[in-house]
């Protein structure tokens, strides 16, 4: 190949630096989604009624979650949680684990994000036996209930020892809703749910 030109170090070399071209910024950025997204609430969004790629693309990241997956490592990373969850231990008939929450998060109305929000989300998903993604996040075959130990600590109770799909890729990455906003709306429908006696009869009939 051609050899580089030999430059005499005693000669002075003057070069005019190139002027960088100005960076052009658009007035707006448009995102194109294949498919029409619909105006659905969070319960429908992660259930059968509102499940669509278009809806997920627009709204999936709106809701807080305890953990997320880092990019590009795909490692479990604390989001609304303060640190990594405790180890899963057997506690009587249940397998339990606790998660500490950050104390600096607020909802859009400036109220604090607390363990009550997590507890309310879990209880609602389980009570209404929500399906699709909700069932992946809070699977009633595995998760029995949750408990708020204090304002920023949540304890999860599983019927059997959860695996990675149920715990790390399920409950820990589930969307969370605000109790103060949704409680009154959910309670109107909750009165229509069957009581424990009727649930037992339903289970017997199904079996």
C-alpha atoms as a PDB file:
ATOM      1  CA  UNK A   1       0.000   0.000   0.000  1.00  0.00           C
ATOM      2  CA  UNK A   2       1.047   3.653  -0.261  1.00  0.00           C
ATOM      3  CA  UNK A   3       3.419   4.901   2.395  1.00  0.00           C
ATOM      4  CA  UNK A   4       2.470   7.915   4.530  1.00  0.00           C
ATOM      5  CA  UNK A   5       4.134  11.176   3.685  1.00  0.00           C
ATOM      6  CA  UNK A   6       7.172  12.012   5.805  1.00  0.00           C
ATOM      7  CA  UNK A   7       6.743  15.224   7.753  1.00  0.00           C
ATOM      8  CA  UNK A   8       9.769  17.183   8.886  1.00  0.00           C
ATOM      9  CA  UNK A   9       9.197  17.943  12.579  1.00  0.00           C
ATOM     10  CA  UNK A  10      11.075  21.217  12.201  1.00  0.00           C
ATOM     11  CA  UNK A  11       8.536  22.544   9.718  1.00  0.00           C
ATOM     12  CA  UNK A  12       5.590  24.420  11.124  1.00  0.00           C
ATOM     13  CA  UNK A  13       2.260  23.043  10.066  1.00  0.00           C
ATOM     14  CA  UNK A  14      -0.777  25.273  10.067  1.00  0.00           C
ATOM     15  CA  UNK A  15      -4.231  23.817   9.615  1.00  0.00           C
ATOM     16  CA  UNK A  16      -7.584  25.497   9.751  1.00  0.00           C
ATOM     17  CA  UNK A  17      -9.906  23.469  12.009  1.00  0.00           C
ATOM     18  CA  UNK A  18     -13.088  22.382  10.337  1.00  0.00           C
ATOM     19  CA  UNK A  19     -16.184  24.201  11.503  1.00  0.00           C
ATOM     20  CA  UNK A  20     -18.696  21.668  12.829  1.00  0.00           C
ATOM     21  CA  UNK A  21     -22.005  21.687  11.069  1.00  0.00           C
ATOM     22  CA  UNK A  22     -24.880  22.946  13.234  1.00  0.00           C
ATOM     23  CA  UNK A  23     -27.059  20.229  14.735  1.00  0.00           C
ATOM     24  CA  UNK A  24     -30.587  20.323  13.447  1.00  0.00           C
ATOM     25  CA  UNK A  25     -33.327  19.700  16.027  1.00  0.00           C
ATOM     26  CA  UNK A  26     -36.841  18.842  15.004  1.00  0.00           C
ATOM     27  CA  UNK A  27     -39.781  20.680  16.501  1.00  0.00           C
ATOM     28  CA  UNK A  28     -41.368  17.378  17.424  1.00  0.00           C
ATOM     29  CA  UNK A  29     -40.756  13.644  17.310  1.00  0.00           C
ATOM     30  CA  UNK A  30     -43.445  11.374  15.949  1.00  0.00           C
ATOM     31  CA  UNK A  31     -43.755   7.712  16.848  1.00  0.00           C
ATOM     32  CA  UNK A  32     -45.500   5.373  14.462  1.00  0.00           C
ATOM     33  CA  UNK A  33     -47.307   2.368  15.890  1.00  0.00           C
ATOM     34  CA  UNK A  34     -48.693  -0.415  13.735  1.00  0.00           C
ATOM     35  CA  UNK A  35     -52.222  -0.643  15.027  1.00  0.00           C
ATOM     36  CA  UNK A  36     -54.660   1.663  16.759  1.00  0.00           C
ATOM     37  CA  UNK A  37     -54.334   2.114  20.506  1.00  0.00           C
ATOM     38  CA  UNK A  38     -57.448   2.457  22.613  1.00  0.00           C
ATOM     39  CA  UNK A  39     -58.256   4.480  25.707  1.00  0.00           C
ATOM     40  CA  UNK A  40     -58.303   1.828  28.434  1.00  0.00           C
ATOM     41  CA  UNK A  41     -57.615   1.933  32.150  1.00  0.00           C
ATOM     42  CA  UNK A  42     -54.751   0.050  33.767  1.00  0.00           C
ATOM     43  CA  UNK A  43     -56.876  -2.964  34.719  1.00  0.00           C
ATOM     44  CA  UNK A  44     -58.012  -3.479  31.115  1.00  0.00           C
ATOM     45  CA  UNK A  45     -54.583  -2.639  29.700  1.00  0.00           C
ATOM     46  CA  UNK A  46     -52.980  -5.691  31.290  1.00  0.00           C
ATOM     47  CA  UNK A  47     -56.052  -7.894  30.932  1.00  0.00           C
ATOM     48  CA  UNK A  48     -57.764  -9.378  27.895  1.00  0.00           C
ATOM     49  CA  UNK A  49     -59.930  -6.347  27.095  1.00  0.00           C
ATOM     50  CA  UNK A  50     -57.142  -3.873  26.440  1.00  0.00           C
ATOM     51  CA  UNK A  51     -54.308  -6.216  25.525  1.00  0.00           C
ATOM     52  CA  UNK A  52     -52.667  -5.114  22.286  1.00  0.00           C
ATOM     53  CA  UNK A  53     -49.169  -4.248  21.137  1.00  0.00           C
ATOM     54  CA  UNK A  54     -50.265  -0.701  20.319  1.00  0.00           C
ATOM     55  CA  UNK A  55     -51.569  -0.173  23.858  1.00  0.00           C
ATOM     56  CA  UNK A  56     -48.412  -1.641  25.382  1.00  0.00           C
ATOM     57  CA  UNK A  57     -46.162   0.506  23.200  1.00  0.00           C
ATOM     58  CA  UNK A  58     -47.880   3.688  24.353  1.00  0.00           C
ATOM     59  CA  UNK A  59     -48.709   2.950  27.997  1.00  0.00           C
ATOM     60  CA  UNK A  60     -46.707  -0.022  29.255  1.00  0.00           C
ATOM     61  CA  UNK A  61     -44.018   2.032  31.016  1.00  0.00           C
ATOM     62  CA  UNK A  62     -46.417   4.537  32.589  1.00  0.00           C
ATOM     63  CA  UNK A  63     -47.040   2.428  35.676  1.00  0.00           C
ATOM     64  CA  UNK A  64     -44.485   2.018  38.472  1.00  0.00           C
ATOM     65  CA  UNK A  65     -43.005  -1.388  39.173  1.00  0.00           C
ATOM     66  CA  UNK A  66     -40.833  -2.695  41.991  1.00  0.00           C
ATOM     67  CA  UNK A  67     -38.127  -3.856  39.577  1.00  0.00           C
ATOM     68  CA  UNK A  68     -37.247  -3.656  35.925  1.00  0.00           C
ATOM     69  CA  UNK A  69     -34.699  -5.267  33.622  1.00  0.00           C
ATOM     70  CA  UNK A  70     -31.606  -3.216  32.844  1.00  0.00           C
ATOM     71  CA  UNK A  71     -30.601  -2.480  29.256  1.00  0.00           C
ATOM     72  CA  UNK A  72     -28.684  -4.104  27.671  1.00  0.00           C
ATOM     73  CA  UNK A  73     -27.600  -6.470  30.475  1.00  0.00           C
ATOM     74  CA  UNK A  74     -31.185  -7.611  31.222  1.00  0.00           C
ATOM     75  CA  UNK A  75     -30.430  -7.812  34.926  1.00  0.00           C
ATOM     76  CA  UNK A  76     -33.045  -7.319  37.623  1.00  0.00           C
ATOM     77  CA  UNK A  77     -32.732  -3.705  38.780  1.00  0.00           C
ATOM     78  CA  UNK A  78     -34.591  -1.899  41.567  1.00  0.00           C
ATOM     79  CA  UNK A  79     -37.089   0.693  40.353  1.00  0.00           C
ATOM     80  CA  UNK A  80     -39.707   1.502  42.998  1.00  0.00           C
ATOM     81  CA  UNK A  81     -37.943  -0.857  45.373  1.00  0.00           C
ATOM     82  CA  UNK A  82     -35.148   0.471  47.557  1.00  0.00           C
ATOM     83  CA  UNK A  83     -32.911  -2.562  47.181  1.00  0.00           C
ATOM     84  CA  UNK A  84     -32.994  -6.221  46.228  1.00  0.00           C
ATOM     85  CA  UNK A  85     -35.721  -8.380  47.812  1.00  0.00           C
ATOM     86  CA  UNK A  86     -35.053 -10.674  50.720  1.00  0.00           C
ATOM     87  CA  UNK A  87     -34.469 -14.344  50.158  1.00  0.00           C
ATOM     88  CA  UNK A  88     -37.536 -16.567  50.010  1.00  0.00           C
ATOM     89  CA  UNK A  89     -38.047 -18.527  53.210  1.00  0.00           C
ATOM     90  CA  UNK A  90     -40.666 -20.972  54.391  1.00  0.00           C
ATOM     91  CA  UNK A  91     -42.955 -19.455  56.986  1.00  0.00           C
ATOM     92  CA  UNK A  92     -45.446 -22.029  58.207  1.00  0.00           C
ATOM     93  CA  UNK A  93     -47.629 -23.060  55.293  1.00  0.00           C
ATOM     94  CA  UNK A  94     -46.359 -20.172  53.133  1.00  0.00           C
ATOM     95  CA  UNK A  95     -43.160 -19.139  51.413  1.00  0.00           C
ATOM     96  CA  UNK A  96     -42.492 -15.478  52.100  1.00  0.00           C
ATOM     97  CA  UNK A  97     -40.222 -12.656  50.973  1.00  0.00           C
ATOM     98  CA  UNK A  98     -40.102  -8.939  51.726  1.00  0.00           C
ATOM     99  CA  UNK A  99     -39.370  -5.900  49.570  1.00  0.00           C
ATOM    100  CA  UNK A 100     -38.323  -2.493  50.871  1.00  0.00           C
ATOM    101  CA  UNK A 101     -39.737   0.481  48.967  1.00  0.00           C
ATOM    102  CA  UNK A 102     -38.148   3.802  48.155  1.00  0.00           C
ATOM    103  CA  UNK A 103     -39.423   6.660  50.300  1.00  0.00           C
ATOM    104  CA  UNK A 104     -38.919   9.441  47.742  1.00  0.00           C
ATOM    105  CA  UNK A 105     -41.563   8.542  45.152  1.00  0.00           C
ATOM    106  CA  UNK A 106     -44.798  10.451  44.653  1.00  0.00           C
ATOM    107  CA  UNK A 107     -47.860  10.031  42.485  1.00  0.00           C
ATOM    108  CA  UNK A 108     -48.928  12.805  40.120  1.00  0.00           C
ATOM    109  CA  UNK A 109     -51.171  14.293  42.832  1.00  0.00           C
ATOM    110  CA  UNK A 110     -48.047  14.645  45.048  1.00  0.00           C
ATOM    111  CA  UNK A 111     -49.148  11.929  47.486  1.00  0.00           C
ATOM    112  CA  UNK A 112     -46.509   9.413  48.573  1.00  0.00           C
ATOM    113  CA  UNK A 113     -46.082   5.993  47.028  1.00  0.00           C
ATOM    114  CA  UNK A 114     -46.370   3.483  49.883  1.00  0.00           C
ATOM    115  CA  UNK A 115     -46.778  -0.195  50.698  1.00  0.00           C
ATOM    116  CA  UNK A 116     -50.556   0.305  50.779  1.00  0.00           C
ATOM    117  CA  UNK A 117     -50.492   0.929  47.030  1.00  0.00           C
ATOM    118  CA  UNK A 118     -48.679  -2.354  46.452  1.00  0.00           C
ATOM    119  CA  UNK A 119     -51.014  -4.214  48.805  1.00  0.00           C
ATOM    120  CA  UNK A 120     -54.114  -2.748  47.144  1.00  0.00           C
ATOM    121  CA  UNK A 121     -52.895  -3.726  43.671  1.00  0.00           C
ATOM    122  CA  UNK A 122     -52.181  -7.308  44.730  1.00  0.00           C
ATOM    123  CA  UNK A 123     -55.493  -7.727  46.547  1.00  0.00           C
ATOM    124  CA  UNK A 124     -57.503  -6.304  43.658  1.00  0.00           C
ATOM    125  CA  UNK A 125     -55.854  -8.476  41.005  1.00  0.00           C
ATOM    126  CA  UNK A 126     -56.381 -11.588  43.127  1.00  0.00           C
ATOM    127  CA  UNK A 127     -59.938 -10.772  44.247  1.00  0.00           C
ATOM    128  CA  UNK A 128     -61.190 -10.136  40.715  1.00  0.00           C
ATOM    129  CA  UNK A 129     -59.219 -13.089  39.333  1.00  0.00           C
ATOM    130  CA  UNK A 130     -57.831 -10.915  36.550  1.00  0.00           C
ATOM    131  CA  UNK A 131     -56.320 -12.760  33.623  1.00  0.00           C
ATOM    132  CA  UNK A 132     -53.699 -12.240  30.926  1.00  0.00           C
ATOM    133  CA  UNK A 133     -50.695 -10.244  32.209  1.00  0.00           C
ATOM    134  CA  UNK A 134     -52.297  -9.661  35.598  1.00  0.00           C
ATOM    135  CA  UNK A 135     -52.411 -13.415  36.132  1.00  0.00           C
ATOM    136  CA  UNK A 136     -48.760 -13.654  35.114  1.00  0.00           C
ATOM    137  CA  UNK A 137     -47.844 -10.939  37.612  1.00  0.00           C
ATOM    138  CA  UNK A 138     -50.089 -12.103  40.457  1.00  0.00           C
ATOM    139  CA  UNK A 139     -50.852 -15.758  39.807  1.00  0.00           C
ATOM    140  CA  UNK A 140     -53.431 -17.017  42.336  1.00  0.00           C
ATOM    141  CA  UNK A 141     -52.115 -20.558  41.963  1.00  0.00           C
ATOM    142  CA  UNK A 142     -48.878 -19.324  43.555  1.00  0.00           C
ATOM    143  CA  UNK A 143     -49.474 -16.003  45.325  1.00  0.00           C
ATOM    144  CA  UNK A 144     -51.880 -16.083  48.266  1.00  0.00           C
ATOM    145  CA  UNK A 145     -51.712 -12.512  49.531  1.00  0.00           C
ATOM    146  CA  UNK A 146     -49.451  -9.612  50.499  1.00  0.00           C
ATOM    147  CA  UNK A 147     -49.016  -7.683  53.724  1.00  0.00           C
ATOM    148  CA  UNK A 148     -47.822  -4.158  54.455  1.00  0.00           C
ATOM    149  CA  UNK A 149     -45.389  -4.510  57.373  1.00  0.00           C
ATOM    150  CA  UNK A 150     -44.927  -0.741  57.513  1.00  0.00           C
ATOM    151  CA  UNK A 151     -45.204   2.268  55.214  1.00  0.00           C
ATOM    152  CA  UNK A 152     -42.312   1.139  53.030  1.00  0.00           C
ATOM    153  CA  UNK A 153     -42.119  -2.643  53.482  1.00  0.00           C
ATOM    154  CA  UNK A 154     -44.226  -5.281  51.720  1.00  0.00           C
ATOM    155  CA  UNK A 155     -44.292  -8.984  52.502  1.00  0.00           C
ATOM    156  CA  UNK A 156     -45.492 -11.492  49.894  1.00  0.00           C
ATOM    157  CA  UNK A 157     -47.005 -14.865  50.823  1.00  0.00           C
ATOM    158  CA  UNK A 158     -46.811 -17.703  48.300  1.00  0.00           C
ATOM    159  CA  UNK A 159     -48.641 -21.020  48.471  1.00  0.00           C
ATOM    160  CA  UNK A 160     -45.594 -22.818  47.084  1.00  0.00           C
ATOM    161  CA  UNK A 161     -41.999 -21.786  46.595  1.00  0.00           C
ATOM    162  CA  UNK A 162     -41.975 -19.423  43.612  1.00  0.00           C
ATOM    163  CA  UNK A 163     -39.575 -19.963  40.736  1.00  0.00           C
ATOM    164  CA  UNK A 164     -37.862 -17.280  38.647  1.00  0.00           C
ATOM    165  CA  UNK A 165     -40.839 -16.928  36.296  1.00  0.00           C
ATOM    166  CA  UNK A 166     -43.275 -16.341  39.161  1.00  0.00           C
ATOM    167  CA  UNK A 167     -41.064 -14.125  41.368  1.00  0.00           C
ATOM    168  CA  UNK A 168     -38.374 -12.248  39.444  1.00  0.00           C
ATOM    169  CA  UNK A 169     -40.187 -12.159  36.092  1.00  0.00           C
ATOM    170  CA  UNK A 170     -43.667 -12.005  37.595  1.00  0.00           C
ATOM    171  CA  UNK A 171     -44.575 -10.304  40.858  1.00  0.00           C
ATOM    172  CA  UNK A 172     -41.448  -8.170  41.134  1.00  0.00           C
ATOM    173  CA  UNK A 173     -42.038  -6.600  37.712  1.00  0.00           C
ATOM    174  CA  UNK A 174     -45.798  -6.150  38.022  1.00  0.00           C
ATOM    175  CA  UNK A 175     -47.449  -2.745  37.455  1.00  0.00           C
ATOM    176  CA  UNK A 176     -48.682  -0.953  40.570  1.00  0.00           C
ATOM    177  CA  UNK A 177     -51.639   1.407  40.937  1.00  0.00           C
ATOM    178  CA  UNK A 178     -52.536   4.182  43.341  1.00  0.00           C
ATOM    179  CA  UNK A 179     -54.879   3.063  46.110  1.00  0.00           C
ATOM    180  CA  UNK A 180     -56.237   6.559  46.800  1.00  0.00           C
ATOM    181  CA  UNK A 181     -57.398   6.963  43.208  1.00  0.00           C
ATOM    182  CA  UNK A 182     -58.736   3.475  42.533  1.00  0.00           C
ATOM    183  CA  UNK A 183     -60.143   2.266  45.862  1.00  0.00           C
ATOM    184  CA  UNK A 184     -63.533   3.963  45.587  1.00  0.00           C
ATOM    185  CA  UNK A 185     -63.924   2.889  41.959  1.00  0.00           C
ATOM    186  CA  UNK A 186     -62.977  -0.717  42.652  1.00  0.00           C
ATOM    187  CA  UNK A 187     -65.210  -0.960  45.728  1.00  0.00           C
ATOM    188  CA  UNK A 188     -68.303  -0.323  43.586  1.00  0.00           C
ATOM    189  CA  UNK A 189     -67.575  -3.522  41.674  1.00  0.00           C
ATOM    190  CA  UNK A 190     -66.186  -5.463  44.636  1.00  0.00           C
ATOM    191  CA  UNK A 191     -69.638  -5.715  46.235  1.00  0.00           C
ATOM    192  CA  UNK A 192     -70.635  -7.977  43.334  1.00  0.00           C
ATOM    193  CA  UNK A 193     -67.885 -10.501  44.038  1.00  0.00           C
ATOM    194  CA  UNK A 194     -68.936 -13.852  45.582  1.00  0.00           C
ATOM    195  CA  UNK A 195     -68.261 -14.328  49.281  1.00  0.00           C
ATOM    196  CA  UNK A 196     -66.101 -17.155  50.600  1.00  0.00           C
ATOM    197  CA  UNK A 197     -69.073 -19.503  50.995  1.00  0.00           C
ATOM    198  CA  UNK A 198     -70.164 -19.036  47.407  1.00  0.00           C
ATOM    199  CA  UNK A 199     -66.575 -19.352  46.189  1.00  0.00           C
ATOM    200  CA  UNK A 200     -66.372 -22.745  47.908  1.00  0.00           C
ATOM    201  CA  UNK A 201     -69.595 -23.844  46.196  1.00  0.00           C
ATOM    202  CA  UNK A 202     -68.248 -22.665  42.852  1.00  0.00           C
ATOM    203  CA  UNK A 203     -65.024 -24.609  43.403  1.00  0.00           C
ATOM    204  CA  UNK A 204     -66.984 -27.757  44.324  1.00  0.00           C
ATOM    205  CA  UNK A 205     -69.152 -27.408  41.238  1.00  0.00           C
ATOM    206  CA  UNK A 206     -66.137 -26.906  38.999  1.00  0.00           C
ATOM    207  CA  UNK A 207     -64.380 -29.947  40.409  1.00  0.00           C
END
